[in-house]
C-alpha atoms as a PDB file:
ATOM      1  CA  MET A   1     -15.778  -6.286 -24.234  1.00  0.00           C
ATOM      2  CA  LYS A   2     -15.305  -2.635 -23.317  1.00  0.00           C
ATOM      3  CA  VAL A   3     -15.174  -3.544 -19.608  1.00  0.00           C
ATOM      4  CA  MET A   4     -12.570  -6.239 -20.288  1.00  0.00           C
ATOM      5  CA  LYS A   5     -10.364  -3.747 -22.184  1.00  0.00           C
ATOM      6  CA  ASN A   6     -10.576  -1.284 -19.314  1.00  0.00           C
ATOM      7  CA  LYS A   7      -9.802  -4.056 -16.839  1.00  0.00           C
ATOM      8  CA  TRP A   8      -6.599  -5.133 -18.599  1.00  0.00           C
ATOM      9  CA  CYS A   9      -5.513  -1.512 -19.067  1.00  0.00           C
ATOM     10  CA  TRP A  10      -5.771  -0.936 -15.310  1.00  0.00           C
ATOM     11  CA  ILE A  11      -3.969  -4.178 -14.465  1.00  0.00           C
ATOM     12  CA  GLY A  12      -1.200  -3.286 -16.921  1.00  0.00           C
ATOM     13  CA  LEU A  13      -0.905   0.190 -15.361  1.00  0.00           C
ATOM     14  CA  VAL A  14      -0.485  -1.288 -11.877  1.00  0.00           C
ATOM     15  CA  LEU A  15       2.130  -3.805 -13.052  1.00  0.00           C
ATOM     16  CA  CYS A  16       4.082  -1.070 -14.849  1.00  0.00           C
ATOM     17  CA  THR A  17       3.951   1.221 -11.806  1.00  0.00           C
ATOM     18  CA  SER A  18       5.023  -1.642  -9.553  1.00  0.00           C
ATOM     19  CA  SER A  19       8.072  -2.397 -11.723  1.00  0.00           C
ATOM     20  CA  LEU A  20       9.116   1.274 -11.669  1.00  0.00           C
ATOM     21  CA  ALA A  21       8.668   1.431  -7.892  1.00  0.00           C
ATOM     22  CA  TRP A  22      10.688  -1.725  -7.310  1.00  0.00           C
ATOM     23  CA  GLY A  23      13.388  -0.479  -9.704  1.00  0.00           C
ATOM     24  CA  ALA A  24      13.693   2.750  -7.732  1.00  0.00           C
ATOM     25  CA  LYS A  25      13.827   0.746  -4.487  1.00  0.00           C
ATOM     26  CA  ASP A  26      16.660  -1.451  -5.853  1.00  0.00           C
ATOM     27  CA  LYS A  27      18.681   1.612  -6.885  1.00  0.00           C
ATOM     28  CA  LYS A  28      18.182   3.129  -3.437  1.00  0.00           C
ATOM     29  CA  ASP A  29      19.314  -0.127  -1.789  1.00  0.00           C
ATOM     30  CA  GLU A  30      22.412  -0.268  -4.023  1.00  0.00           C
ATOM     31  CA  LYS A  31      23.279   3.312  -3.117  1.00  0.00           C
ATOM     32  CA  SER A  32      22.740   2.577   0.576  1.00  0.00           C
ATOM     33  CA  ASP A  33      24.985  -0.514   0.375  1.00  0.00           C
ATOM     34  CA  SER A  34      27.679   1.513  -1.402  1.00  0.00           C
ATOM     35  CA  ASP A  35      27.525   4.244   1.263  1.00  0.00           C
ATOM     36  CA  THR A  36      27.642   1.621   4.022  1.00  0.00           C
ATOM     37  CA  LYS A  37      30.703  -0.067   2.497  1.00  0.00           C
ATOM     38  CA  GLY A  38      32.449   3.307   2.085  1.00  0.00           C
ATOM     39  CA  SER A  39      31.675   4.207   5.694  1.00  0.00           C
ATOM     40  CA  ALA A  40      32.940   0.818   6.908  1.00  0.00           C
ATOM     41  CA  SER A  41      36.186   1.254   4.930  1.00  0.00           C
ATOM     42  CA  ALA A  42      36.701   4.720   6.409  1.00  0.00           C
ATOM     43  CA  GLU A  43      36.046   3.434   9.921  1.00  0.00           C
ATOM     44  CA  LYS A  44      38.510   0.577   9.375  1.00  0.00           C
ATOM     45  CA  ALA A  45      41.179   2.987   8.136  1.00  0.00           C
ATOM     46  CA  ASP A  46      40.601   5.243  11.155  1.00  0.00           C
ATOM     47  CA  ALA A  47      40.803   2.228  13.466  1.00  0.00           C
ATOM     48  CA  ASP A  48      44.079   1.089  11.858  1.00  0.00           C
ATOM     49  CA  SER A  49      45.502   4.590  12.236  1.00  0.00           C
ATOM     50  CA  GLY A  50      44.378   4.633  15.850  1.00  0.00           C
ATOM     51  CA  ASP A  51      46.056   1.277  16.454  1.00  0.00           C
ATOM     52  CA  GLU A  52      49.393   2.560  15.058  1.00  0.00           C
ATOM     53  CA  THR A  53      49.225   5.720  17.176  1.00  0.00           C
ATOM     54  CA  THR A  54      48.346   3.728  20.271  1.00  0.00           C
ATOM     55  CA  LYS A  55      51.206   1.304  19.676  1.00  0.00           C
ATOM     56  CA  ASP A  56      53.679   4.218  19.432  1.00  0.00           C
ATOM     57  CA  GLU A  57      52.396   5.715  22.662  1.00  0.00           C
ATOM     58  CA  SER A  58      52.494   2.320  24.348  1.00  0.00           C
ATOM     59  CA  ALA A  59      56.145   1.903  23.489  1.00  0.00           C
ATOM     60  CA  ASP A  60      56.910   5.087  25.420  1.00  0.00           C
ATOM     61  CA  GLU A  61      54.452   4.782  28.316  1.00  0.00           C
ATOM     62  CA  ASP A  62      54.159   0.952  28.628  1.00  0.00           C
ATOM     63  CA  ALA A  63      50.312   1.259  28.837  1.00  0.00           C
ATOM     64  CA  PRO A  64      47.859  -1.125  27.081  1.00  0.00           C
ATOM     65  CA  PRO A  65      45.747   0.470  24.312  1.00  0.00           C
ATOM     66  CA  LYS A  66      42.111   0.727  25.452  1.00  0.00           C
ATOM     67  CA  THR A  67      40.585   3.419  23.237  1.00  0.00           C
ATOM     68  CA  PRO A  68      40.416   1.359  19.994  1.00  0.00           C
ATOM     69  CA  ALA A  69      38.578  -1.466  21.812  1.00  0.00           C
ATOM     70  CA  LYS A  70      35.904   0.974  23.072  1.00  0.00           C
ATOM     71  CA  ALA A  71      35.482   2.470  19.626  1.00  0.00           C
ATOM     72  CA  SER A  72      35.107  -1.004  18.135  1.00  0.00           C
ATOM     73  CA  ALA A  73      32.498  -1.940  20.723  1.00  0.00           C
ATOM     74  CA  LYS A  74      30.597   1.262  19.998  1.00  0.00           C
ATOM     75  CA  VAL A  75      30.564   0.585  16.258  1.00  0.00           C
ATOM     76  CA  SER A  76      29.376  -2.964  16.923  1.00  0.00           C
ATOM     77  CA  VAL A  77      26.474  -1.817  19.124  1.00  0.00           C
ATOM     78  CA  GLU A  78      25.392   0.831  16.641  1.00  0.00           C
ATOM     79  CA  GLY A  79      25.459  -1.673  13.791  1.00  0.00           C
ATOM     80  CA  THR A  80      23.344  -4.131  15.774  1.00  0.00           C
ATOM     81  CA  GLY A  81      20.734  -1.487  16.578  1.00  0.00           C
ATOM     82  CA  SER A  82      20.483  -0.431  12.934  1.00  0.00           C
ATOM     83  CA  LYS A  83      20.009  -4.012  11.797  1.00  0.00           C
ATOM     84  CA  ALA A  84      17.293  -4.645  14.365  1.00  0.00           C
ATOM     85  CA  GLY A  85      15.374  -1.495  13.335  1.00  0.00           C
ATOM     86  CA  ALA A  86      15.242  -2.690   9.722  1.00  0.00           C
ATOM     87  CA  HIS A  87      12.799  -5.445  10.703  1.00  0.00           C
ATOM     88  CA  SER A  88      10.109  -3.148  12.175  1.00  0.00           C
ATOM     89  CA  THR A  89       6.589  -2.970  10.743  1.00  0.00           C
ATOM     90  CA  VAL A  90       4.060  -0.169  10.265  1.00  0.00           C
ATOM     91  CA  PHE A  91       0.357  -0.693  11.054  1.00  0.00           C
ATOM     92  CA  SER A  92      -2.272   1.521   9.415  1.00  0.00           C
ATOM     93  CA  LEU A  93      -6.030   1.767   9.913  1.00  0.00           C
ATOM     94  CA  GLY A  94      -8.369   4.363   8.446  1.00  0.00           C
ATOM     95  CA  LEU A  95     -11.778   5.355   7.133  1.00  0.00           C
ATOM     96  CA  LEU A  96     -12.391   5.001   3.399  1.00  0.00           C
ATOM     97  CA  GLY A  97     -14.691   7.059   1.189  1.00  0.00           C
ATOM     98  CA  SER A  98     -15.169   6.192  -2.498  1.00  0.00           C
ATOM     99  CA  LEU A  99     -16.774   7.756  -5.548  1.00  0.00           C
ATOM    100  CA  GLY A 100     -17.380   5.458  -8.525  1.00  0.00           C
ATOM    101  CA  SER A 101     -18.288   6.130 -12.141  1.00  0.00           C
ATOM    102  CA  SER A 102     -20.924   3.384 -12.232  1.00  0.00           C
ATOM    103  CA  THR A 103     -24.561   4.107 -11.398  1.00  0.00           C
ATOM    104  CA  PHE A 104     -24.803   1.311  -8.850  1.00  0.00           C
ATOM    105  CA  THR A 105     -21.434   2.045  -7.196  1.00  0.00           C
ATOM    106  CA  ARG A 106     -21.685   5.822  -7.095  1.00  0.00           C
ATOM    107  CA  PHE A 107     -20.988   6.442  -3.386  1.00  0.00           C
ATOM    108  CA  GLY A 108     -19.232   4.125  -0.947  1.00  0.00           C
ATOM    109  CA  ALA A 109     -17.899   4.160   2.620  1.00  0.00           C
ATOM    110  CA  GLY A 110     -15.850   1.658   4.585  1.00  0.00           C
ATOM    111  CA  LEU A 111     -12.586   0.762   6.326  1.00  0.00           C
ATOM    112  CA  ARG A 112      -9.030   0.029   5.199  1.00  0.00           C
ATOM    113  CA  GLY A 113      -6.198  -1.422   7.273  1.00  0.00           C
ATOM    114  CA  GLY A 114      -2.999  -3.419   6.977  1.00  0.00           C
ATOM    115  CA  LEU A 115       0.696  -3.912   7.707  1.00  0.00           C
ATOM    116  CA  THR A 116       3.777  -2.635   5.879  1.00  0.00           C
ATOM    117  CA  LEU A 117       6.587  -5.149   6.441  1.00  0.00           C
ATOM    118  CA  GLY A 118       9.351  -2.592   6.891  1.00  0.00           C
ATOM    119  CA  PRO A 119      10.179   0.625   8.797  1.00  0.00           C
ATOM    120  CA  GLY A 120       8.630   2.730   6.012  1.00  0.00           C
ATOM    121  CA  GLU A 121       9.092   0.921   2.719  1.00  0.00           C
ATOM    122  CA  GLY A 122       8.212  -2.705   2.150  1.00  0.00           C
ATOM    123  CA  LEU A 123       5.561  -5.258   1.234  1.00  0.00           C
ATOM    124  CA  TYR A 124       2.038  -4.186   2.207  1.00  0.00           C
ATOM    125  CA  ILE A 125      -0.660  -6.709   3.152  1.00  0.00           C
ATOM    126  CA  GLY A 126      -4.084  -5.495   4.240  1.00  0.00           C
ATOM    127  CA  GLY A 127      -7.766  -5.395   3.439  1.00  0.00           C
ATOM    128  CA  THR A 128     -10.709  -3.156   2.592  1.00  0.00           C
ATOM    129  CA  ALA A 129     -14.429  -3.366   3.307  1.00  0.00           C
ATOM    130  CA  THR A 130     -16.709  -0.965   1.418  1.00  0.00           C
ATOM    131  CA  TYR A 131     -20.481  -0.533   1.258  1.00  0.00           C
ATOM    132  CA  PHE A 132     -21.969   1.092  -1.852  1.00  0.00           C
ATOM    133  CA  ALA A 133     -25.470   2.441  -1.273  1.00  0.00           C
ATOM    134  CA  GLY A 134     -26.238   2.579  -4.991  1.00  0.00           C
ATOM    135  CA  THR A 135     -29.091   4.443  -6.683  1.00  0.00           C
ATOM    136  CA  SER A 136     -32.411   3.583  -8.336  1.00  0.00           C
ATOM    137  CA  VAL A 137     -32.501   3.463 -12.126  1.00  0.00           C
ATOM    138  CA  THR A 138     -35.589   3.434 -14.337  1.00  0.00           C
ATOM    139  CA  GLN A 139     -35.305   0.952 -17.208  1.00  0.00           C
ATOM    140  CA  PRO A 140     -37.680   0.529 -20.196  1.00  0.00           C
ATOM    141  CA  ARG A 141     -39.667  -2.724 -20.543  1.00  0.00           C
ATOM    142  CA  LEU A 142     -42.154  -4.043 -23.120  1.00  0.00           C
ATOM    143  CA  THR A 143     -44.923  -3.703 -20.553  1.00  0.00           C
ATOM    144  CA  GLY A 144     -43.826  -0.274 -19.347  1.00  0.00           C
ATOM    145  CA  THR A 145     -40.911   0.634 -17.106  1.00  0.00           C
ATOM    146  CA  ALA A 146     -39.041  -1.049 -14.287  1.00  0.00           C
ATOM    147  CA  GLU A 147     -37.128   0.456 -11.394  1.00  0.00           C
ATOM    148  CA  ALA A 148     -33.869  -1.283 -10.493  1.00  0.00           C
ATOM    149  CA  THR A 149     -31.919  -0.752  -7.259  1.00  0.00           C
ATOM    150  CA  ARG A 150     -28.603  -2.321  -6.206  1.00  0.00           C
ATOM    151  CA  ASN A 151     -26.589  -2.244  -2.975  1.00  0.00           C
ATOM    152  CA  VAL A 152     -23.103  -3.781  -2.934  1.00  0.00           C
ATOM    153  CA  PHE A 153     -20.707  -4.872  -0.187  1.00  0.00           C
ATOM    154  CA  VAL A 154     -17.117  -5.320  -1.446  1.00  0.00           C
ATOM    155  CA  PHE A 155     -14.440  -7.104   0.597  1.00  0.00           C
ATOM    156  CA  GLY A 156     -10.882  -7.173  -0.757  1.00  0.00           C
ATOM    157  CA  VAL A 157      -7.397  -8.338   0.277  1.00  0.00           C
ATOM    158  CA  ASP A 158      -4.842  -5.657  -0.634  1.00  0.00           C
ATOM    159  CA  VAL A 159      -1.353  -6.778  -1.683  1.00  0.00           C
ATOM    160  CA  GLY A 160       1.064  -4.008  -2.665  1.00  0.00           C
ATOM    161  CA  TYR A 161       4.436  -2.392  -2.043  1.00  0.00           C
ATOM    162  CA  ASP A 162       5.107   0.906  -0.234  1.00  0.00           C
ATOM    163  CA  VAL A 163       7.836   3.050  -1.811  1.00  0.00           C
ATOM    164  CA  GLN A 164       9.027   6.332  -0.279  1.00  0.00           C
ATOM    165  CA  ALA A 165       8.764   8.902  -3.059  1.00  0.00           C
ATOM    166  CA  ALA A 166       9.627  11.926  -0.868  1.00  0.00           C
ATOM    167  CA  THR A 167       9.901  12.876   2.794  1.00  0.00           C
ATOM    168  CA  ASP A 168       6.753  11.556   4.549  1.00  0.00           C
ATOM    169  CA  PHE A 169       5.167  10.660   1.188  1.00  0.00           C
ATOM    170  CA  TYR A 170       4.710   7.069  -0.014  1.00  0.00           C
ATOM    171  CA  VAL A 171       3.366   5.507  -3.200  1.00  0.00           C
ATOM    172  CA  ARG A 172       1.666   2.116  -3.101  1.00  0.00           C
ATOM    173  CA  PRO A 173       0.760   0.152  -6.259  1.00  0.00           C
ATOM    174  CA  TYR A 174      -1.528  -2.696  -5.263  1.00  0.00           C
ATOM    175  CA  LEU A 175      -3.899  -5.427  -6.376  1.00  0.00           C
ATOM    176  CA  SER A 176      -7.032  -6.252  -4.392  1.00  0.00           C
ATOM    177  CA  PRO A 177      -8.790  -9.584  -5.112  1.00  0.00           C
ATOM    178  CA  GLY A 178     -11.933 -10.355  -3.124  1.00  0.00           C
ATOM    179  CA  ILE A 179     -15.691 -10.873  -3.214  1.00  0.00           C
ATOM    180  CA  ALA A 180     -18.744  -8.669  -3.639  1.00  0.00           C
ATOM    181  CA  TYR A 181     -22.213  -9.303  -2.215  1.00  0.00           C
ATOM    182  CA  ALA A 182     -24.802  -7.636  -4.433  1.00  0.00           C
ATOM    183  CA  LYS A 183     -28.433  -7.027  -3.466  1.00  0.00           C
ATOM    184  CA  ASP A 184     -30.492  -6.372  -6.597  1.00  0.00           C
ATOM    185  CA  LYS A 185     -34.151  -5.350  -6.502  1.00  0.00           C
ATOM    186  CA  GLU A 186     -36.326  -4.741  -9.551  1.00  0.00           C
ATOM    187  CA  CYS A 187     -39.933  -3.541  -9.494  1.00  0.00           C
ATOM    188  CA  ALA A 188     -42.211  -3.556 -12.565  1.00  0.00           C
ATOM    189  CA  THR A 189     -46.016  -3.522 -12.978  1.00  0.00           C
ATOM    190  CA  GLY A 190     -46.465  -3.568  -9.218  1.00  0.00           C
ATOM    191  CA  THR A 191     -44.285  -6.673  -8.690  1.00  0.00           C
ATOM    192  CA  CYS A 192     -40.791  -6.662  -7.140  1.00  0.00           C
ATOM    193  CA  THR A 193     -38.134  -9.348  -7.458  1.00  0.00           C
ATOM    194  CA  ASN A 194     -34.836  -9.770  -5.626  1.00  0.00           C
ATOM    195  CA  ASP A 195     -31.639 -11.188  -7.072  1.00  0.00           C
ATOM    196  CA  ASN A 196     -28.969 -11.395  -4.369  1.00  0.00           C
ATOM    197  CA  GLY A 197     -25.661 -13.184  -4.712  1.00  0.00           C
ATOM    198  CA  VAL A 198     -21.896 -13.305  -4.187  1.00  0.00           C
ATOM    199  CA  LYS A 199     -19.653 -12.229  -7.067  1.00  0.00           C
ATOM    200  CA  ILE A 200     -15.887 -12.370  -7.611  1.00  0.00           C
ATOM    201  CA  ALA A 201     -14.223  -8.946  -7.311  1.00  0.00           C
ATOM    202  CA  LEU A 202     -10.831  -7.596  -8.394  1.00  0.00           C
ATOM    203  CA  ALA A 203      -9.339  -4.115  -8.135  1.00  0.00           C
ATOM    204  CA  PRO A 204      -5.928  -2.978  -9.416  1.00  0.00           C
ATOM    205  CA  GLY A 205      -5.000   0.456  -8.109  1.00  0.00           C
ATOM    206  CA  LEU A 206      -2.423   3.045  -7.078  1.00  0.00           C
ATOM    207  CA  GLN A 207      -2.451   4.863  -3.721  1.00  0.00           C
ATOM    208  CA  GLY A 208      -0.591   7.913  -2.445  1.00  0.00           C
ATOM    209  CA  ILE A 209      -0.005   8.287   1.327  1.00  0.00           C
ATOM    210  CA  TYR A 210       1.133  11.377   3.230  1.00  0.00           C
ATOM    211  CA  SER A 211       2.352  10.625   6.758  1.00  0.00           C
ATOM    212  CA  LEU A 212       1.518  13.128   9.514  1.00  0.00           C
ATOM    213  CA  GLY A 213       3.363  11.546  12.423  1.00  0.00           C
ATOM    214  CA  ALA A 214       0.974   8.990  13.913  1.00  0.00           C
ATOM    215  CA  ALA A 215      -1.763   9.944  11.412  1.00  0.00           C
ATOM    216  CA  TYR A 216      -1.958   9.863   7.612  1.00  0.00           C
ATOM    217  CA  LEU A 217      -3.975  11.082   4.647  1.00  0.00           C
ATOM    218  CA  GLY A 218      -4.260   9.098   1.437  1.00  0.00           C
ATOM    219  CA  ALA A 219      -5.907   9.041  -1.969  1.00  0.00           C
ATOM    220  CA  ASP A 220      -6.059   6.269  -4.521  1.00  0.00           C
ATOM    221  CA  LEU A 221      -7.422   5.560  -7.967  1.00  0.00           C
ATOM    222  CA  ARG A 222      -8.513   2.016  -8.775  1.00  0.00           C
ATOM    223  CA  TYR A 223     -10.690   0.087 -11.190  1.00  0.00           C
ATOM    224  CA  GLN A 224     -13.241  -1.985  -9.282  1.00  0.00           C
ATOM    225  CA  ILE A 225     -14.226  -5.096 -11.228  1.00  0.00           C
ATOM    226  CA  ILE A 226     -17.287  -7.123 -10.164  1.00  0.00           C
ATOM    227  CA  MET A 227     -17.738 -10.237 -12.274  1.00  0.00           C
ATOM    228  CA  ASN A 228     -21.139 -11.214 -13.710  1.00  0.00           C
ATOM    229  CA  ALA A 229     -22.849  -8.016 -12.550  1.00  0.00           C
ATOM    230  CA  SER A 230     -24.095  -5.505 -15.115  1.00  0.00           C
ATOM    231  CA  ASN A 231     -23.166  -1.822 -14.680  1.00  0.00           C
ATOM    232  CA  ALA A 232     -21.054  -2.620 -11.598  1.00  0.00           C
ATOM    233  CA  SER A 233     -17.422  -2.438 -12.759  1.00  0.00           C
ATOM    234  CA  ALA A 234     -16.127   1.131 -12.660  1.00  0.00           C
ATOM    235  CA  ALA A 235     -13.160   3.447 -12.073  1.00  0.00           C
ATOM    236  CA  MET A 236     -13.137   4.809  -8.523  1.00  0.00           C
ATOM    237  CA  LEU A 237     -11.484   7.622  -6.628  1.00  0.00           C
ATOM    238  CA  SER A 238     -11.052   7.028  -2.880  1.00  0.00           C
ATOM    239  CA  ILE A 239      -9.939   9.139   0.073  1.00  0.00           C
ATOM    240  CA  THR A 240      -8.478   7.601   3.248  1.00  0.00           C
ATOM    241  CA  ALA A 241      -7.622   9.105   6.646  1.00  0.00           C
ATOM    242  CA  GLY A 242      -6.517   7.336   9.791  1.00  0.00           C
ATOM    243  CA  LEU A 243      -3.623   6.183  11.991  1.00  0.00           C
ATOM    244  CA  ARG A 244      -0.203   4.945  10.892  1.00  0.00           C
ATOM    245  CA  LEU A 245       1.755   3.429  13.790  1.00  0.00           C
END
């Protein structure tokens, strides 16, 4: 029951953070649209003024106005280039190190990679693969003690949204559903048994990313949930470093 409470608290935190991030993104888009409209109005007014001036000069010199047409073509080309750049994507790939609060998911290492569908901000779709070496735990039994050991592979699909919080700094709330392959070994009274199997995994989290040109550094806090596995679900702190192209 305690694990379930923690799980829903983390999921609620991610949803709340996501709504705040998207709200900030909408406000930024509205401001950008307003600035664009104001700029377009100013350019139109300048063009109209240029047309009137050119017409006056034409009346005296009998020469066709050419300057406004060039300016219009220039504005058109610049607008096309800006629109095309808005559809670019960012690819990231890095090493992942994790530290969990659970005994069996104490230390982990793996890879993280994905695509941001935008020039900097946008929908993020990627994945993670992490191996947790685990530790051995001595547990009491009626016939003495038993030593339990667990190793876990976790594979997740990350779905989130990158929001630019400051220059070269991005915040990414995300949700990572996936699977976990657990290898359990228990030894008692000289006999060892194995209990290996695939479990459903889920991890809501929040990541911060600092861009360093073609490289990046990141840190995230998530709650790794592994269904039907005792002492496996835990809060985790992860560090990521890699390329962002």
